[in-house]
């Protein structure tokens, strides 16, 4: 399950995107984090379909 992508809020009001236990990016707004998560999911789908 290390490929699970999650968005979690932080104590300072920003959001962090994780893949498994690894932090991919932090300090984002909620919209930025959701867009980043969506782009990763789209990339993964393209790779699966290839």
N, C-alpha and C. Protein backbone atom coordinates (compact mmCIF):
# COMPACT_ATOMS: atom_id res chain seq x y z
N UNK A 1 0.81 -1.21 0.00
CA UNK A 1 0.00 0.00 0.00
C UNK A 1 0.84 1.25 0.00
N UNK A 2 2.09 1.17 -0.34
CA UNK A 2 2.93 2.35 -0.32
C UNK A 2 2.58 3.33 -1.43
N UNK A 3 1.74 2.93 -2.37
CA UNK A 3 1.36 3.83 -3.46
C UNK A 3 0.13 4.66 -3.16
N UNK A 4 -0.42 4.53 -1.96
CA UNK A 4 -1.61 5.30 -1.60
C UNK A 4 -1.22 6.77 -1.45
N UNK A 5 -1.95 7.64 -2.13
CA UNK A 5 -1.70 9.07 -2.08
C UNK A 5 -2.75 9.71 -1.17
N UNK A 6 -2.27 10.50 -0.19
CA UNK A 6 -3.19 11.14 0.74
C UNK A 6 -2.86 12.62 0.85
N UNK A 7 -3.89 13.41 1.16
CA UNK A 7 -3.72 14.82 1.47
C UNK A 7 -4.16 15.00 2.91
N UNK A 8 -3.28 15.60 3.73
CA UNK A 8 -3.60 15.81 5.13
C UNK A 8 -3.37 17.27 5.51
N UNK A 9 -4.27 17.83 6.32
CA UNK A 9 -4.04 19.19 6.80
C UNK A 9 -2.95 19.20 7.87
N UNK A 10 -2.26 20.33 8.00
CA UNK A 10 -1.24 20.47 9.03
C UNK A 10 -1.71 21.49 10.07
N UNK A 11 -0.96 21.60 11.14
CA UNK A 11 -1.32 22.49 12.24
C UNK A 11 -1.32 23.97 11.84
N UNK A 12 -0.58 24.32 10.79
CA UNK A 12 -0.50 25.74 10.39
C UNK A 12 -1.50 26.12 9.30
N UNK A 13 -2.42 25.22 8.98
CA UNK A 13 -3.47 25.53 8.01
C UNK A 13 -3.11 25.21 6.57
N UNK A 14 -1.92 24.65 6.35
CA UNK A 14 -1.56 24.23 5.00
C UNK A 14 -1.81 22.74 4.87
N UNK A 15 -1.53 22.20 3.69
CA UNK A 15 -1.78 20.78 3.42
C UNK A 15 -0.51 20.11 2.93
N UNK A 16 -0.39 18.83 3.24
CA UNK A 16 0.75 18.01 2.84
C UNK A 16 0.24 16.83 2.05
N UNK A 17 0.94 16.50 0.96
CA UNK A 17 0.59 15.34 0.13
C UNK A 17 1.60 14.24 0.42
N UNK A 18 1.09 13.06 0.74
CA UNK A 18 1.90 11.89 1.06
C UNK A 18 1.67 10.79 0.04
N UNK A 19 2.73 10.01 -0.21
CA UNK A 19 2.61 8.73 -0.92
C UNK A 19 3.12 7.70 0.06
N UNK A 20 2.21 6.90 0.58
CA UNK A 20 2.57 6.00 1.67
C UNK A 20 2.98 6.83 2.86
N UNK A 21 4.17 6.59 3.38
CA UNK A 21 4.69 7.36 4.52
C UNK A 21 5.56 8.53 4.08
N UNK A 22 5.87 8.62 2.79
CA UNK A 22 6.77 9.66 2.29
C UNK A 22 6.01 10.96 2.00
N UNK A 23 6.61 12.06 2.41
CA UNK A 23 6.06 13.38 2.11
C UNK A 23 6.51 13.75 0.70
N UNK A 24 5.54 14.04 -0.16
CA UNK A 24 5.88 14.46 -1.52
C UNK A 24 6.01 15.96 -1.61
N UNK A 25 5.08 16.68 -0.99
CA UNK A 25 5.12 18.14 -1.00
C UNK A 25 4.30 18.65 0.18
N UNK A 26 4.72 19.76 0.75
CA UNK A 26 4.01 20.32 1.89
C UNK A 26 3.91 21.83 1.73
N UNK A 27 3.09 22.44 2.58
CA UNK A 27 2.94 23.90 2.55
C UNK A 27 1.99 24.39 1.48
N UNK A 28 1.11 23.53 1.01
CA UNK A 28 0.19 23.89 -0.05
C UNK A 28 -1.16 24.35 0.50
N UNK A 29 -1.88 25.10 -0.33
CA UNK A 29 -3.28 25.36 -0.01
C UNK A 29 -4.05 24.08 -0.30
N UNK A 30 -5.26 24.03 0.16
CA UNK A 30 -6.08 22.83 -0.08
C UNK A 30 -6.27 22.59 -1.58
N UNK A 31 -6.55 23.65 -2.33
CA UNK A 31 -6.75 23.52 -3.77
C UNK A 31 -5.48 23.01 -4.46
N UNK A 32 -4.33 23.57 -4.10
CA UNK A 32 -3.08 23.11 -4.68
C UNK A 32 -2.83 21.64 -4.38
N UNK A 33 -3.08 21.24 -3.14
CA UNK A 33 -2.85 19.85 -2.74
C UNK A 33 -3.78 18.91 -3.50
N UNK A 34 -5.04 19.29 -3.64
CA UNK A 34 -5.98 18.45 -4.37
C UNK A 34 -5.62 18.35 -5.84
N UNK A 35 -5.15 19.44 -6.43
CA UNK A 35 -4.73 19.40 -7.84
C UNK A 35 -3.48 18.53 -8.01
N UNK A 36 -2.56 18.63 -7.08
CA UNK A 36 -1.35 17.81 -7.13
C UNK A 36 -1.71 16.33 -7.01
N UNK A 37 -2.58 16.02 -6.08
CA UNK A 37 -3.04 14.64 -5.90
C UNK A 37 -3.71 14.13 -7.18
N UNK A 38 -4.54 14.96 -7.79
CA UNK A 38 -5.22 14.56 -9.02
C UNK A 38 -4.23 14.34 -10.16
N UNK A 39 -3.20 15.17 -10.24
CA UNK A 39 -2.22 15.00 -11.31
C UNK A 39 -1.42 13.70 -11.12
N UNK A 40 -1.12 13.36 -9.87
CA UNK A 40 -0.43 12.09 -9.60
C UNK A 40 -1.31 10.90 -9.97
N UNK A 41 -2.58 10.99 -9.64
CA UNK A 41 -3.51 9.91 -9.98
C UNK A 41 -3.64 9.75 -11.50
N UNK A 42 -3.68 10.87 -12.22
CA UNK A 42 -3.77 10.82 -13.69
C UNK A 42 -2.51 10.21 -14.29
N UNK A 43 -1.35 10.58 -13.75
CA UNK A 43 -0.10 10.00 -14.23
C UNK A 43 -0.06 8.50 -13.98
N UNK A 44 -0.50 8.08 -12.82
CA UNK A 44 -0.51 6.65 -12.49
C UNK A 44 -1.44 5.89 -13.44
N UNK A 45 -2.57 6.48 -13.78
CA UNK A 45 -3.51 5.84 -14.70
C UNK A 45 -2.89 5.67 -16.07
N UNK A 46 -2.20 6.70 -16.55
CA UNK A 46 -1.53 6.62 -17.85
C UNK A 46 -0.49 5.51 -17.86
N UNK A 47 0.26 5.40 -16.77
CA UNK A 47 1.27 4.35 -16.70
C UNK A 47 0.65 2.96 -16.64
N UNK A 48 -0.48 2.83 -15.95
CA UNK A 48 -1.18 1.55 -15.88
C UNK A 48 -1.74 1.13 -17.24
N UNK A 49 -2.21 2.12 -18.01
CA UNK A 49 -2.82 1.84 -19.31
C UNK A 49 -1.76 1.58 -20.40
N UNK A 50 -0.53 1.91 -20.13
CA UNK A 50 0.52 1.76 -21.15
C UNK A 50 0.94 0.32 -21.29
